[in-house]
Amino acid sequence: MLNTGVPYPIPFGEIERVELHYNQLELDHRLSYSLWVWVVRKNGKTKRVYYKGYRTAKLALPSDMKAALEEKGLHVLMVDQ
């Protein structure tokens, strides 16, 4: 699931949108970064999950997650905090 940013198994058809809340300054100047992933379902429920990424571990960046989710046909918002 980390490749797409979806924090728990859920059918893509039930997802209204995914919001990736990150800090561009961290991405540019640190080896690690913080990311909040908000999954908003069509029934109005929201699930938030904190994700800590490390460049040295070659985990997905927010831009990679956005591309993977858009490939699945989901609406993705990237929010720089």
PDB file of N, CA and C in Angstrom:
ATOM      1  N   MET A   1       0.802  -1.195   0.000  1.00  0.00           N
ATOM      2  CA  MET A   1       0.000   0.000   0.000  1.00  0.00           C
ATOM      3  C   MET A   1       0.853   1.271   0.000  1.00  0.00           C
ATOM      4  N   LEU A   2       2.095   1.181   0.450  1.00  0.00           N
ATOM      5  CA  LEU A   2       2.917   2.381   0.522  1.00  0.00           C
ATOM      6  C   LEU A   2       3.235   2.950  -0.849  1.00  0.00           C
ATOM      7  N   ASN A   3       3.168   2.122  -1.877  1.00  0.00           N
ATOM      8  CA  ASN A   3       3.446   2.642  -3.210  1.00  0.00           C
ATOM      9  C   ASN A   3       2.351   3.590  -3.684  1.00  0.00           C
ATOM     10  N   THR A   4       1.132   3.380  -3.216  1.00  0.00           N
ATOM     11  CA  THR A   4       0.033   4.240  -3.640  1.00  0.00           C
ATOM     12  C   THR A   4      -0.344   5.272  -2.589  1.00  0.00           C
ATOM     13  N   GLY A   5       0.060   5.061  -1.360  1.00  0.00           N
ATOM     14  CA  GLY A   5      -0.305   5.999  -0.307  1.00  0.00           C
ATOM     15  C   GLY A   5      -1.597   5.659   0.395  1.00  0.00           C
ATOM     16  N   VAL A   6      -2.352   4.666  -0.074  1.00  0.00           N
ATOM     17  CA  VAL A   6      -3.592   4.280   0.589  1.00  0.00           C
ATOM     18  C   VAL A   6      -3.222   3.491   1.841  1.00  0.00           C
ATOM     19  N   PRO A   7      -3.597   3.984   3.023  1.00  0.00           N
ATOM     20  CA  PRO A   7      -3.087   3.413   4.271  1.00  0.00           C
ATOM     21  C   PRO A   7      -3.744   2.123   4.739  1.00  0.00           C
ATOM     22  N   TYR A   8      -4.811   1.704   4.116  1.00  0.00           N
ATOM     23  CA  TYR A   8      -5.464   0.473   4.524  1.00  0.00           C
ATOM     24  C   TYR A   8      -6.201  -0.092   3.319  1.00  0.00           C
ATOM     25  N   PRO A   9      -6.457  -1.403   3.300  1.00  0.00           N
ATOM     26  CA  PRO A   9      -7.127  -1.981   2.135  1.00  0.00           C
ATOM     27  C   PRO A   9      -8.569  -1.483   2.013  1.00  0.00           C
ATOM     28  N   ILE A  10      -8.876  -0.910   0.883  1.00  0.00           N
ATOM     29  CA  ILE A  10     -10.227  -0.418   0.598  1.00  0.00           C
ATOM     30  C   ILE A  10     -10.399  -0.444  -0.918  1.00  0.00           C
ATOM     31  N   PRO A  11     -11.562  -0.863  -1.390  1.00  0.00           N
ATOM     32  CA  PRO A  11     -11.774  -0.835  -2.847  1.00  0.00           C
ATOM     33  C   PRO A  11     -11.656   0.590  -3.376  1.00  0.00           C
ATOM     34  N   PHE A  12     -10.926   0.751  -4.467  1.00  0.00           N
ATOM     35  CA  PHE A  12     -10.720   2.080  -5.035  1.00  0.00           C
ATOM     36  C   PHE A  12     -12.034   2.747  -5.409  1.00  0.00           C
ATOM     37  N   GLY A  13     -13.054   1.963  -5.717  1.00  0.00           N
ATOM     38  CA  GLY A  13     -14.360   2.519  -6.071  1.00  0.00           C
ATOM     39  C   GLY A  13     -15.053   3.239  -4.931  1.00  0.00           C
ATOM     40  N   GLU A  14     -14.638   2.993  -3.681  1.00  0.00           N
ATOM     41  CA  GLU A  14     -15.236   3.632  -2.510  1.00  0.00           C
ATOM     42  C   GLU A  14     -14.518   4.916  -2.111  1.00  0.00           C
ATOM     43  N   ILE A  15     -13.420   5.238  -2.782  1.00  0.00           N
ATOM     44  CA  ILE A  15     -12.622   6.413  -2.412  1.00  0.00           C
ATOM     45  C   ILE A  15     -13.044   7.618  -3.242  1.00  0.00           C
ATOM     46  N   GLU A  16     -13.384   8.706  -2.557  1.00  0.00           N
ATOM     47  CA  GLU A  16     -13.712   9.958  -3.248  1.00  0.00           C
ATOM     48  C   GLU A  16     -12.442  10.686  -3.654  1.00  0.00           C
ATOM     49  N   ARG A  17     -11.507  10.812  -2.682  1.00  0.00           N
ATOM     50  CA  ARG A  17     -10.237  11.467  -2.980  1.00  0.00           C
ATOM     51  C   ARG A  17      -9.199  11.072  -1.935  1.00  0.00           C
ATOM     52  N   VAL A  18      -7.949  11.310  -2.290  1.00  0.00           N
ATOM     53  CA  VAL A  18      -6.835  11.095  -1.371  1.00  0.00           C
ATOM     54  C   VAL A  18      -6.087  12.417  -1.274  1.00  0.00           C
ATOM     55  N   GLU A  19      -5.783  12.828  -0.044  1.00  0.00           N
ATOM     56  CA  GLU A  19      -5.030  14.061   0.173  1.00  0.00           C
ATOM     57  C   GLU A  19      -3.672  13.694   0.760  1.00  0.00           C
ATOM     58  N   LEU A  20      -2.620  14.203   0.160  1.00  0.00           N
ATOM     59  CA  LEU A  20      -1.263  13.981   0.641  1.00  0.00           C
ATOM     60  C   LEU A  20      -0.752  15.291   1.236  1.00  0.00           C
ATOM     61  N   HIS A  21      -0.615  15.353   2.552  1.00  0.00           N
ATOM     62  CA  HIS A  21      -0.171  16.555   3.258  1.00  0.00           C
ATOM     63  C   HIS A  21       1.306  16.374   3.601  1.00  0.00           C
ATOM     64  N   TYR A  22       2.149  17.204   3.026  1.00  0.00           N
ATOM     65  CA  TYR A  22       3.594  17.065   3.167  1.00  0.00           C
ATOM     66  C   TYR A  22       4.225  18.441   3.321  1.00  0.00           C
ATOM     67  N   ASN A  23       5.535  18.483   3.497  1.00  0.00           N
ATOM     68  CA  ASN A  23       6.272  19.732   3.612  1.00  0.00           C
ATOM     69  C   ASN A  23       7.386  19.712   2.567  1.00  0.00           C
ATOM     70  N   GLN A  24       7.305  20.559   1.572  1.00  0.00           N
ATOM     71  CA  GLN A  24       8.276  20.574   0.475  1.00  0.00           C
ATOM     72  C   GLN A  24       9.690  20.873   0.973  1.00  0.00           C
ATOM     73  N   LEU A  25       9.792  21.694   2.014  1.00  0.00           N
ATOM     74  CA  LEU A  25      11.100  22.020   2.579  1.00  0.00           C
ATOM     75  C   LEU A  25      11.798  20.762   3.104  1.00  0.00           C
ATOM     76  N   GLU A  26      11.032  19.896   3.766  1.00  0.00           N
ATOM     77  CA  GLU A  26      11.587  18.618   4.234  1.00  0.00           C
ATOM     78  C   GLU A  26      12.047  17.759   3.063  1.00  0.00           C
ATOM     79  N   LEU A  27      11.233  17.703   2.028  1.00  0.00           N
ATOM     80  CA  LEU A  27      11.591  16.887   0.860  1.00  0.00           C
ATOM     81  C   LEU A  27      12.867  17.390   0.204  1.00  0.00           C
ATOM     82  N   ASP A  28      13.064  18.688   0.196  1.00  0.00           N
ATOM     83  CA  ASP A  28      14.232  19.276  -0.468  1.00  0.00           C
ATOM     84  C   ASP A  28      15.508  19.195   0.359  1.00  0.00           C
ATOM     85  N   HIS A  29      15.387  19.228   1.699  1.00  0.00           N
ATOM     86  CA  HIS A  29      16.578  19.426   2.524  1.00  0.00           C
ATOM     87  C   HIS A  29      16.846  18.366   3.589  1.00  0.00           C
ATOM     88  N   ARG A  30      16.082  17.305   3.625  1.00  0.00           N
ATOM     89  CA  ARG A  30      16.297  16.278   4.649  1.00  0.00           C
ATOM     90  C   ARG A  30      16.325  14.886   4.027  1.00  0.00           C
ATOM     91  N   LEU A  31      16.874  13.944   4.785  1.00  0.00           N
ATOM     92  CA  LEU A  31      16.870  12.550   4.340  1.00  0.00           C
ATOM     93  C   LEU A  31      15.565  11.853   4.699  1.00  0.00           C
ATOM     94  N   SER A  32      14.793  12.440   5.608  1.00  0.00           N
ATOM     95  CA  SER A  32      13.501  11.868   5.961  1.00  0.00           C
ATOM     96  C   SER A  32      12.427  12.937   5.768  1.00  0.00           C
ATOM     97  N   TYR A  33      11.193  12.492   5.658  1.00  0.00           N
ATOM     98  CA  TYR A  33      10.090  13.441   5.499  1.00  0.00           C
ATOM     99  C   TYR A  33       8.838  12.890   6.166  1.00  0.00           C
ATOM    100  N   SER A  34       7.967  13.798   6.574  1.00  0.00           N
ATOM    101  CA  SER A  34       6.697  13.451   7.203  1.00  0.00           C
ATOM    102  C   SER A  34       5.584  13.631   6.181  1.00  0.00           C
ATOM    103  N   LEU A  35       4.615  12.757   6.251  1.00  0.00           N
ATOM    104  CA  LEU A  35       3.495  12.811   5.312  1.00  0.00           C
ATOM    105  C   LEU A  35       2.239  12.336   6.022  1.00  0.00           C
ATOM    106  N   TRP A  36       1.185  13.134   5.927  1.00  0.00           N
ATOM    107  CA  TRP A  36      -0.142  12.701   6.379  1.00  0.00           C
ATOM    108  C   TRP A  36      -0.935  12.303   5.146  1.00  0.00           C
ATOM    109  N   VAL A  37      -1.495  11.117   5.165  1.00  0.00           N
ATOM    110  CA  VAL A  37      -2.326  10.634   4.069  1.00  0.00           C
ATOM    111  C   VAL A  37      -3.766  10.625   4.567  1.00  0.00           C
ATOM    112  N   TRP A  38      -4.618  11.393   3.908  1.00  0.00           N
ATOM    113  CA  TRP A  38      -6.042  11.433   4.234  1.00  0.00           C
ATOM    114  C   TRP A  38      -6.797  10.745   3.108  1.00  0.00           C
ATOM    115  N   VAL A  39      -7.557   9.723   3.458  1.00  0.00           N
ATOM    116  CA  VAL A  39      -8.405   9.048   2.481  1.00  0.00           C
ATOM    117  C   VAL A  39      -9.846   9.405   2.813  1.00  0.00           C
ATOM    118  N   VAL A  40     -10.507  10.073   1.875  1.00  0.00           N
ATOM    119  CA  VAL A  40     -11.905  10.480   2.059  1.00  0.00           C
ATOM    120  C   VAL A  40     -12.765   9.535   1.226  1.00  0.00           C
ATOM    121  N   ARG A  41     -13.624   8.803   1.918  1.00  0.00           N
ATOM    122  CA  ARG A  41     -14.491   7.838   1.233  1.00  0.00           C
ATOM    123  C   ARG A  41     -15.758   8.530   0.734  1.00  0.00           C
ATOM    124  N   LYS A  42     -16.421   7.910  -0.198  1.00  0.00           N
ATOM    125  CA  LYS A  42     -17.650   8.488  -0.767  1.00  0.00           C
ATOM    126  C   LYS A  42     -18.772   8.585   0.260  1.00  0.00           C
ATOM    127  N   ASN A  43     -18.718   7.787   1.325  1.00  0.00           N
ATOM    128  CA  ASN A  43     -19.748   7.861   2.361  1.00  0.00           C
ATOM    129  C   ASN A  43     -19.451   8.958   3.390  1.00  0.00           C
ATOM    130  N   GLY A  44     -18.370   9.736   3.175  1.00  0.00           N
ATOM    131  CA  GLY A  44     -18.048  10.860   4.041  1.00  0.00           C
ATOM    132  C   GLY A  44     -17.036  10.559   5.135  1.00  0.00           C
ATOM    133  N   LYS A  45     -16.737   9.301   5.379  1.00  0.00           N
ATOM    134  CA  LYS A  45     -15.763   8.955   6.415  1.00  0.00           C
ATOM    135  C   LYS A  45     -14.353   9.268   5.927  1.00  0.00           C
ATOM    136  N   THR A  46     -13.521   9.684   6.875  1.00  0.00           N
ATOM    137  CA  THR A  46     -12.136  10.031   6.553  1.00  0.00           C
ATOM    138  C   THR A  46     -11.202   9.234   7.447  1.00  0.00           C
ATOM    139  N   LYS A  47     -10.127   8.767   6.860  1.00  0.00           N
ATOM    140  CA  LYS A  47      -9.091   8.063   7.617  1.00  0.00           C
ATOM    141  C   LYS A  47      -7.788   8.800   7.391  1.00  0.00           C
ATOM    142  N   ARG A  48      -7.102   9.158   8.493  1.00  0.00           N
ATOM    143  CA  ARG A  48      -5.806   9.828   8.392  1.00  0.00           C
ATOM    144  C   ARG A  48      -4.732   8.894   8.936  1.00  0.00           C
ATOM    145  N   VAL A  49      -3.624   8.839   8.222  1.00  0.00           N
ATOM    146  CA  VAL A  49      -2.510   8.002   8.650  1.00  0.00           C
ATOM    147  C   VAL A  49      -1.221   8.788   8.488  1.00  0.00           C
ATOM    148  N   TYR A  50      -0.360   8.711   9.505  1.00  0.00           N
ATOM    149  CA  TYR A  50       0.938   9.365   9.458  1.00  0.00           C
ATOM    150  C   TYR A  50       1.938   8.415   8.820  1.00  0.00           C
ATOM    151  N   TYR A  51       2.762   8.939   7.944  1.00  0.00           N
ATOM    152  CA  TYR A  51       3.737   8.147   7.206  1.00  0.00           C
ATOM    153  C   TYR A  51       5.078   8.849   7.311  1.00  0.00           C
ATOM    154  N   LYS A  52       6.103   8.120   7.687  1.00  0.00           N
ATOM    155  CA  LYS A  52       7.457   8.681   7.763  1.00  0.00           C
ATOM    156  C   LYS A  52       8.277   8.010   6.675  1.00  0.00           C
ATOM    157  N   GLY A  53       8.772   8.807   5.741  1.00  0.00           N
ATOM    158  CA  GLY A  53       9.543   8.271   4.630  1.00  0.00           C
ATOM    159  C   GLY A  53      11.021   8.583   4.770  1.00  0.00           C
ATOM    160  N   TYR A  54      11.835   7.689   4.304  1.00  0.00           N
ATOM    161  CA  TYR A  54      13.286   7.860   4.347  1.00  0.00           C
ATOM    162  C   TYR A  54      13.842   7.687   2.943  1.00  0.00           C
ATOM    163  N   ARG A  55      14.535   8.686   2.455  1.00  0.00           N
ATOM    164  CA  ARG A  55      15.113   8.603   1.115  1.00  0.00           C
ATOM    165  C   ARG A  55      16.106   7.457   0.993  1.00  0.00           C
ATOM    166  N   THR A  56      16.810   7.168   2.078  1.00  0.00           N
ATOM    167  CA  THR A  56      17.823   6.107   2.032  1.00  0.00           C
ATOM    168  C   THR A  56      17.185   4.731   1.860  1.00  0.00           C
ATOM    169  N   ALA A  57      15.925   4.575   2.250  1.00  0.00           N
ATOM    170  CA  ALA A  57      15.229   3.297   2.113  1.00  0.00           C
ATOM    171  C   ALA A  57      14.533   3.180   0.760  1.00  0.00           C
ATOM    172  N   LYS A  58      14.591   4.245  -0.033  1.00  0.00           N
ATOM    173  CA  LYS A  58      13.984   4.292  -1.361  1.00  0.00           C
ATOM    174  C   LYS A  58      12.477   4.005  -1.326  1.00  0.00           C
ATOM    175  N   LEU A  59      11.812   4.579  -0.320  1.00  0.00           N
ATOM    176  CA  LEU A  59      10.357   4.470  -0.262  1.00  0.00           C
ATOM    177  C   LEU A  59       9.731   5.530  -1.155  1.00  0.00           C
ATOM    178  N   ALA A  60       8.469   5.346  -1.448  1.00  0.00           N
ATOM    179  CA  ALA A  60       7.775   6.231  -2.367  1.00  0.00           C
ATOM    180  C   ALA A  60       7.700   7.663  -1.837  1.00  0.00           C
ATOM    181  N   LEU A  61       7.954   8.613  -2.706  1.00  0.00           N
ATOM    182  CA  LEU A  61       7.777  10.033  -2.405  1.00  0.00           C
ATOM    183  C   LEU A  61       6.314  10.405  -2.651  1.00  0.00           C
ATOM    184  N   PRO A  62       5.847  11.520  -2.102  1.00  0.00           N
ATOM    185  CA  PRO A  62       4.462  11.936  -2.353  1.00  0.00           C
ATOM    186  C   PRO A  62       4.134  12.039  -3.848  1.00  0.00           C
ATOM    187  N   SER A  63       5.058  12.526  -4.653  1.00  0.00           N
ATOM    188  CA  SER A  63       4.793  12.640  -6.093  1.00  0.00           C
ATOM    189  C   SER A  63       4.636  11.255  -6.738  1.00  0.00           C
ATOM    190  N   ASP A  64       5.390  10.264  -6.243  1.00  0.00           N
ATOM    191  CA  ASP A  64       5.242   8.891  -6.741  1.00  0.00           C
ATOM    192  C   ASP A  64       3.880   8.318  -6.359  1.00  0.00           C
ATOM    193  N   MET A  65       3.467   8.605  -5.125  1.00  0.00           N
ATOM    194  CA  MET A  65       2.161   8.135  -4.656  1.00  0.00           C
ATOM    195  C   MET A  65       1.044   8.750  -5.487  1.00  0.00           C
ATOM    196  N   LYS A  66       1.171  10.044  -5.766  1.00  0.00           N
ATOM    197  CA  LYS A  66       0.149  10.729  -6.565  1.00  0.00           C
ATOM    198  C   LYS A  66       0.037  10.098  -7.941  1.00  0.00           C
ATOM    199  N   ALA A  67       1.155   9.840  -8.582  1.00  0.00           N
ATOM    200  CA  ALA A  67       1.146   9.236  -9.920  1.00  0.00           C
ATOM    201  C   ALA A  67       0.507   7.847  -9.888  1.00  0.00           C
ATOM    202  N   ALA A  68       0.820   7.051  -8.858  1.00  0.00           N
ATOM    203  CA  ALA A  68       0.254   5.705  -8.758  1.00  0.00           C
ATOM    204  C   ALA A  68      -1.253   5.748  -8.541  1.00  0.00           C
ATOM    205  N   LEU A  69      -1.714   6.688  -7.716  1.00  0.00           N
ATOM    206  CA  LEU A  69      -3.149   6.805  -7.456  1.00  0.00           C
ATOM    207  C   LEU A  69      -3.898   7.317  -8.675  1.00  0.00           C
ATOM    208  N   GLU A  70      -3.325   8.289  -9.370  1.00  0.00           N
ATOM    209  CA  GLU A  70      -3.985   8.807 -10.573  1.00  0.00           C
ATOM    210  C   GLU A  70      -4.055   7.737 -11.655  1.00  0.00           C
ATOM    211  N   GLU A  71      -3.081   6.832 -11.684  1.00  0.00           N
ATOM    212  CA  GLU A  71      -3.123   5.702 -12.616  1.00  0.00           C
ATOM    213  C   GLU A  71      -4.340   4.823 -12.350  1.00  0.00           C
ATOM    214  N   LYS A  72      -4.744   4.759 -11.070  1.00  0.00           N
ATOM    215  CA  LYS A  72      -5.917   3.963 -10.674  1.00  0.00           C
ATOM    216  C   LYS A  72      -7.211   4.737 -10.880  1.00  0.00           C
ATOM    217  N   GLY A  73      -7.117   5.990 -11.342  1.00  0.00           N
ATOM    218  CA  GLY A  73      -8.306   6.785 -11.613  1.00  0.00           C
ATOM    219  C   GLY A  73      -8.833   7.563 -10.420  1.00  0.00           C
ATOM    220  N   LEU A  74      -8.020   7.741  -9.388  1.00  0.00           N
ATOM    221  CA  LEU A  74      -8.458   8.456  -8.194  1.00  0.00           C
ATOM    222  C   LEU A  74      -8.068   9.924  -8.259  1.00  0.00           C
ATOM    223  N   HIS A  75      -8.857  10.748  -7.591  1.00  0.00           N
ATOM    224  CA  HIS A  75      -8.576  12.188  -7.486  1.00  0.00           C
ATOM    225  C   HIS A  75      -7.614  12.382  -6.313  1.00  0.00           C
ATOM    226  N   VAL A  76      -6.498  13.062  -6.567  1.00  0.00           N
ATOM    227  CA  VAL A  76      -5.462  13.247  -5.547  1.00  0.00           C
ATOM    228  C   VAL A  76      -5.171  14.732  -5.373  1.00  0.00           C
ATOM    229  N   LEU A  77      -5.140  15.175  -4.105  1.00  0.00           N
ATOM    230  CA  LEU A  77      -4.741  16.541  -3.785  1.00  0.00           C
ATOM    231  C   LEU A  77      -3.408  16.490  -3.060  1.00  0.00           C
ATOM    232  N   MET A  78      -2.467  17.318  -3.477  1.00  0.00           N
ATOM    233  CA  MET A  78      -1.198  17.427  -2.770  1.00  0.00           C
ATOM    234  C   MET A  78      -1.209  18.768  -2.045  1.00  0.00           C
ATOM    235  N   VAL A  79      -1.036  18.733  -0.719  1.00  0.00           N
ATOM    236  CA  VAL A  79      -1.132  19.910   0.110  1.00  0.00           C
ATOM    237  C   VAL A  79       0.229  20.144   0.763  1.00  0.00           C
ATOM    238  N   ASP A  80       0.900  21.228   0.354  1.00  0.00           N
ATOM    239  CA  ASP A  80       2.189  21.597   0.944  1.00  0.00           C
ATOM    240  C   ASP A  80       1.917  22.415   2.188  1.00  0.00           C
ATOM    241  N   GLN A  81       2.363  21.930   3.332  1.00  0.00           N
ATOM    242  CA  GLN A  81       2.073  22.617   4.595  1.00  0.00           C
ATOM    243  C   GLN A  81       3.269  23.406   5.047  1.00  0.00           C
TER     244      GLN A  81
END
